[in-house]
Amino acid sequence: MFSAPRQTRKLDRPLDLRWSSDQIRLRAVKASCKPLLPVEHAPNYWSSGPVGLPFDFTHHIRLVCEDIVSRCSTFHHIKMEKLLFDFTTSRKNSSWGLQARVTPMRFENGALHRRKNRVTYRVQRYFVDGREILYLVTFCLPRFLNREFPDKLVTIFHELYHISPFFNGDLRRHPGHFQIHTKSQKEYDREMTELIKEYLHAGADQHRLAFLRLNYPQLIQRHQLIVGNCVPRPRLLPIR
């Protein structure tokens, strides 16, 4: 799924937000309801880091995406240092709904400004350690973690595929009426499945993928706490 920056009427927010890596707030993932899945013992052969220490989801999902980008030619244009990963909390105890989204930090064709109803808007710009962020990749937790392993991979590939092949802060745009999503969801998922096969055959790092084979209750059982980056959603700000 993709998400456009939210529109703000008044210029009451900074045009740029800047952080160092250690300034980005880590927040604990908290399930709003009792888990849908029973707590089964997490197999020891699926490693997720030191037992008893908090599990940093956004760190580990970045490692997975780095591996995918390095092994799949379809994603070689992605510069991982320009991506920021965070999470949002599932509001309902349901397996259906938002799994993840990618928010572009530019308008169509990488434009920084867009004029609408006689007002010019600009997207907030994010910088981490001086590097500008072009895409914010957000996962919905714990819902995403409670999906089956193949479904998790489809979701990850789906979000990465949204990133423009020009890597200009815009989304990948398809010809015709369905610019962002293709006309057929099944066809789109089938294409992602083929990319996943390519990735797995290219020697995917199973150590990095291991935590995706565990669900939320299993990770909580092993680590007691799951944390991740938490940043505000970017805004569309009127500048004139």
Protein backbone atom coordinates (compact mmCIF):
# COMPACT_ATOMS: atom_id res chain seq x y z
CA MET A 1 0.00 0.00 0.00
CA PHE A 2 1.10 3.58 -0.52
CA SER A 3 0.20 6.66 1.48
CA ALA A 4 0.41 10.31 0.49
CA PRO A 5 1.64 12.88 3.02
CA ARG A 6 -1.16 14.52 4.99
CA GLN A 7 -2.26 18.00 4.00
CA THR A 8 -1.98 20.79 6.58
CA ARG A 9 -3.81 24.08 6.14
CA LYS A 10 -1.66 26.32 8.29
CA LEU A 11 2.09 26.61 8.24
CA ASP A 12 2.39 25.50 11.87
CA ARG A 13 4.97 22.81 11.25
CA PRO A 14 8.63 22.96 10.22
CA LEU A 15 9.45 22.51 6.54
CA ASP A 16 12.34 20.21 7.45
CA LEU A 17 12.73 17.66 10.23
CA ARG A 18 16.23 16.54 11.14
CA TRP A 19 17.43 13.77 13.42
CA SER A 20 20.61 11.94 14.20
CA SER A 21 20.25 8.16 14.32
CA ASP A 22 20.20 8.13 18.12
CA GLN A 23 17.54 10.86 18.29
CA ILE A 24 14.80 8.86 16.59
CA ARG A 25 12.47 7.66 19.31
CA LEU A 26 12.09 3.93 19.84
CA ARG A 27 8.59 2.98 20.91
CA ALA A 28 7.29 -0.32 22.25
CA VAL A 29 4.80 -2.28 20.17
CA LYS A 30 1.65 -2.89 22.18
CA ALA A 31 -1.18 -5.12 21.04
CA SER A 32 -4.54 -3.43 21.55
CA CYS A 33 -6.34 -6.76 22.10
CA LYS A 34 -5.61 -10.33 23.06
CA PRO A 35 -3.60 -12.13 20.37
CA LEU A 36 -5.52 -14.08 17.75
CA LEU A 37 -2.81 -16.71 17.57
CA PRO A 38 -1.96 -19.21 20.32
CA VAL A 39 1.45 -18.84 21.89
CA GLU A 40 3.56 -21.68 20.54
CA HIS A 41 7.16 -22.17 21.56
CA ALA A 42 9.50 -20.36 19.17
CA PRO A 43 11.87 -22.91 17.55
CA ASN A 44 15.47 -22.29 18.54
CA TYR A 45 16.68 -22.74 14.98
CA TRP A 46 14.90 -19.49 13.96
CA SER A 47 17.18 -16.92 15.55
CA SER A 48 15.95 -13.41 16.34
CA GLY A 49 18.74 -12.10 18.55
CA PRO A 50 19.61 -12.36 22.24
CA VAL A 51 16.82 -13.89 24.33
CA GLY A 52 15.42 -11.56 26.97
CA LEU A 53 16.52 -8.36 25.25
CA PRO A 54 14.09 -6.08 23.35
CA PHE A 55 13.65 -6.93 19.68
CA ASP A 56 14.14 -3.91 17.39
CA PHE A 57 11.72 -4.60 14.55
CA THR A 58 12.66 -1.65 12.35
CA HIS A 59 16.35 -2.56 12.54
CA HIS A 60 15.69 -6.15 11.51
CA ILE A 61 13.23 -5.31 8.73
CA ARG A 62 15.82 -2.91 7.31
CA LEU A 63 18.35 -5.75 7.23
CA VAL A 64 15.86 -7.89 5.31
CA CYS A 65 15.22 -5.12 2.79
CA GLU A 66 18.95 -4.51 2.37
CA ASP A 67 19.37 -8.17 1.48
CA ILE A 68 16.47 -8.08 -0.99
CA VAL A 69 17.77 -4.93 -2.69
CA SER A 70 21.27 -6.39 -3.01
CA ARG A 71 20.09 -9.67 -4.58
CA CYS A 72 17.14 -8.66 -6.81
CA SER A 73 17.94 -6.72 -9.96
CA THR A 74 14.43 -5.21 -9.92
CA PHE A 75 15.39 -3.27 -6.78
CA HIS A 76 19.01 -2.37 -7.53
CA HIS A 77 17.97 1.28 -8.01
CA ILE A 78 16.94 1.59 -4.35
CA LYS A 79 19.40 3.40 -2.09
CA MET A 80 18.73 2.06 1.36
CA GLU A 81 20.26 5.04 3.13
CA LYS A 82 17.40 7.13 1.69
CA LEU A 83 14.72 4.91 3.29
CA LEU A 84 13.43 5.34 6.83
CA PHE A 85 11.55 2.49 8.52
CA ASP A 86 9.00 2.89 11.27
CA PHE A 87 5.81 1.26 12.52
CA THR A 88 2.22 2.08 13.40
CA THR A 89 0.04 0.13 15.82
CA SER A 90 -2.86 -2.05 14.69
CA ARG A 91 -6.07 -0.55 16.03
CA LYS A 92 -8.09 -3.74 15.67
CA ASN A 93 -7.32 -7.34 16.49
CA SER A 94 -7.79 -8.51 12.92
CA SER A 95 -5.58 -10.24 10.40
CA TRP A 96 -7.07 -8.05 7.65
CA GLY A 97 -6.41 -4.40 7.07
CA LEU A 98 -3.29 -2.32 6.63
CA GLN A 99 -0.12 -4.43 6.64
CA ALA A 100 2.40 -1.83 5.51
CA ARG A 101 2.66 1.35 3.47
CA VAL A 102 5.30 3.41 1.72
CA THR A 103 5.00 7.20 1.88
CA PRO A 104 6.76 9.12 -0.92
CA MET A 105 8.49 12.33 0.10
CA ARG A 106 8.02 13.93 -3.33
CA PHE A 107 5.19 14.60 -5.75
CA GLU A 108 4.87 13.14 -9.24
CA ASN A 109 8.17 12.95 -11.15
CA GLY A 110 10.05 13.89 -7.99
CA ALA A 111 8.69 17.43 -7.76
CA LEU A 112 9.09 19.15 -4.39
CA HIS A 113 6.11 21.47 -4.90
CA ARG A 114 2.56 21.07 -6.14
CA ARG A 115 -0.07 23.72 -6.78
CA LYS A 116 -3.68 22.97 -5.87
CA ASN A 117 -6.64 25.36 -5.56
CA ARG A 118 -4.31 28.36 -6.00
CA VAL A 119 -2.12 27.21 -3.12
CA THR A 120 1.41 25.86 -3.51
CA TYR A 121 2.24 22.94 -1.23
CA ARG A 122 5.55 21.42 -0.30
CA VAL A 123 6.21 18.06 1.32
CA GLN A 124 8.05 18.12 4.62
CA ARG A 125 11.63 16.96 4.13
CA TYR A 126 13.21 14.46 6.51
CA PHE A 127 16.94 14.18 7.19
CA VAL A 128 18.73 11.51 9.25
CA ASP A 129 22.42 12.06 9.99
CA GLY A 130 22.39 14.69 7.24
CA ARG A 131 21.00 12.29 4.60
CA GLU A 132 17.69 13.20 3.05
CA ILE A 133 14.97 10.56 3.29
CA LEU A 134 12.98 9.96 0.10
CA TYR A 135 10.65 7.20 1.34
CA LEU A 136 9.09 6.37 4.69
CA VAL A 137 8.29 2.65 4.96
CA THR A 138 5.79 1.85 7.72
CA PHE A 139 4.64 -1.54 9.00
CA CYS A 140 1.45 -2.13 10.95
CA LEU A 141 2.24 -4.09 14.11
CA PRO A 142 1.48 -6.56 15.47
CA ARG A 143 -0.78 -7.39 12.49
CA PHE A 144 2.09 -7.77 10.02
CA LEU A 145 3.99 -10.09 12.36
CA ASN A 146 0.99 -12.42 12.65
CA ARG A 147 0.88 -13.15 8.92
CA GLU A 148 2.33 -16.34 7.48
CA PHE A 149 5.93 -16.17 6.29
CA PRO A 150 5.09 -16.15 2.52
CA ASP A 151 2.52 -13.38 3.06
CA LYS A 152 5.07 -11.28 4.93
CA LEU A 153 7.49 -11.55 2.01
CA VAL A 154 4.76 -10.57 -0.47
CA THR A 155 4.00 -7.50 1.65
CA ILE A 156 7.66 -6.46 1.82
CA PHE A 157 8.17 -6.91 -1.92
CA HIS A 158 4.90 -5.10 -2.60
CA GLU A 159 6.09 -2.01 -0.71
CA LEU A 160 9.56 -2.00 -2.27
CA TYR A 161 8.01 -2.30 -5.72
CA HIS A 162 6.04 0.91 -5.09
CA ILE A 163 9.32 2.84 -5.09
CA SER A 164 9.91 4.62 -8.39
CA PRO A 165 12.55 3.04 -10.68
CA PHE A 166 13.95 6.58 -10.99
CA PHE A 167 14.29 6.73 -7.18
CA ASN A 168 13.24 10.36 -7.15
CA GLY A 169 10.94 10.31 -4.11
CA ASP A 170 7.88 9.54 -6.24
CA LEU A 171 6.05 6.22 -6.56
CA ARG A 172 6.28 3.75 -9.41
CA ARG A 173 3.59 4.73 -11.90
CA HIS A 174 1.93 2.33 -14.30
CA PRO A 175 0.39 3.31 -17.65
CA GLY A 176 -3.35 3.79 -17.83
CA HIS A 177 -5.95 4.63 -15.22
CA PHE A 178 -4.43 2.47 -12.46
CA GLN A 179 -1.21 4.43 -12.05
CA ILE A 180 -0.16 3.26 -8.59
CA HIS A 181 -1.69 -0.21 -8.42
CA THR A 182 -2.17 -2.37 -11.46
CA LYS A 183 -5.70 -3.29 -12.53
CA SER A 184 -5.47 -6.81 -11.10
CA GLN A 185 -4.42 -7.38 -7.48
CA LYS A 186 -3.98 -11.09 -8.20
CA GLU A 187 -1.66 -10.33 -11.11
CA TYR A 188 0.31 -7.92 -8.93
CA ASP A 189 0.69 -10.53 -6.18
CA ARG A 190 1.69 -13.11 -8.78
CA GLU A 191 4.43 -10.79 -10.02
CA MET A 192 5.65 -10.30 -6.44
CA THR A 193 5.71 -14.07 -5.96
CA GLU A 194 7.97 -14.45 -8.99
CA LEU A 195 10.32 -11.80 -7.60
CA ILE A 196 10.39 -13.64 -4.28
CA LYS A 197 11.36 -16.86 -6.05
CA GLU A 198 14.19 -14.99 -7.76
CA TYR A 199 15.34 -13.64 -4.41
CA LEU A 200 15.26 -17.01 -2.65
CA HIS A 201 17.10 -18.69 -5.53
CA ALA A 202 19.73 -15.94 -5.42
CA GLY A 203 20.82 -17.09 -1.96
CA ALA A 204 18.61 -15.08 0.38
CA ASP A 205 20.16 -14.56 3.81
CA GLN A 206 18.11 -17.01 5.89
CA HIS A 207 19.56 -15.62 9.11
CA ARG A 208 18.07 -12.20 8.37
CA LEU A 209 14.76 -13.76 7.36
CA ALA A 210 14.49 -15.98 10.44
CA PHE A 211 12.45 -13.58 12.61
CA LEU A 212 9.79 -13.37 9.88
CA ARG A 213 9.06 -17.05 10.49
CA LEU A 214 7.98 -16.19 14.04
CA ASN A 215 4.75 -14.47 14.99
CA TYR A 216 4.13 -11.67 17.47
CA PRO A 217 3.38 -13.91 20.51
CA GLN A 218 6.52 -15.95 19.83
CA LEU A 219 8.72 -12.86 19.60
CA ILE A 220 7.19 -11.48 22.80
CA GLN A 221 7.74 -14.82 24.51
CA ARG A 222 11.41 -14.72 23.51
CA HIS A 223 12.18 -11.00 23.95
CA GLN A 224 9.45 -9.68 26.29
CA LEU A 225 9.40 -6.43 24.31
CA ILE A 226 9.30 -5.41 20.64
CA VAL A 227 10.38 -1.87 19.79
CA GLY A 228 10.80 0.20 16.64
CA ASN A 229 11.33 3.65 15.20
CA CYS A 230 8.45 6.05 15.63
CA VAL A 231 8.38 9.25 13.55
CA PRO A 232 5.51 11.58 12.60
CA ARG A 233 3.89 11.19 9.22
CA PRO A 234 5.08 13.85 6.76
CA ARG A 235 2.77 16.75 6.00
CA LEU A 236 1.91 18.78 2.93
CA LEU A 237 2.61 22.36 3.95
CA PRO A 238 1.28 25.48 2.19
CA ILE A 239 4.13 27.84 1.37
CA ARG A 240 2.32 30.50 -0.69
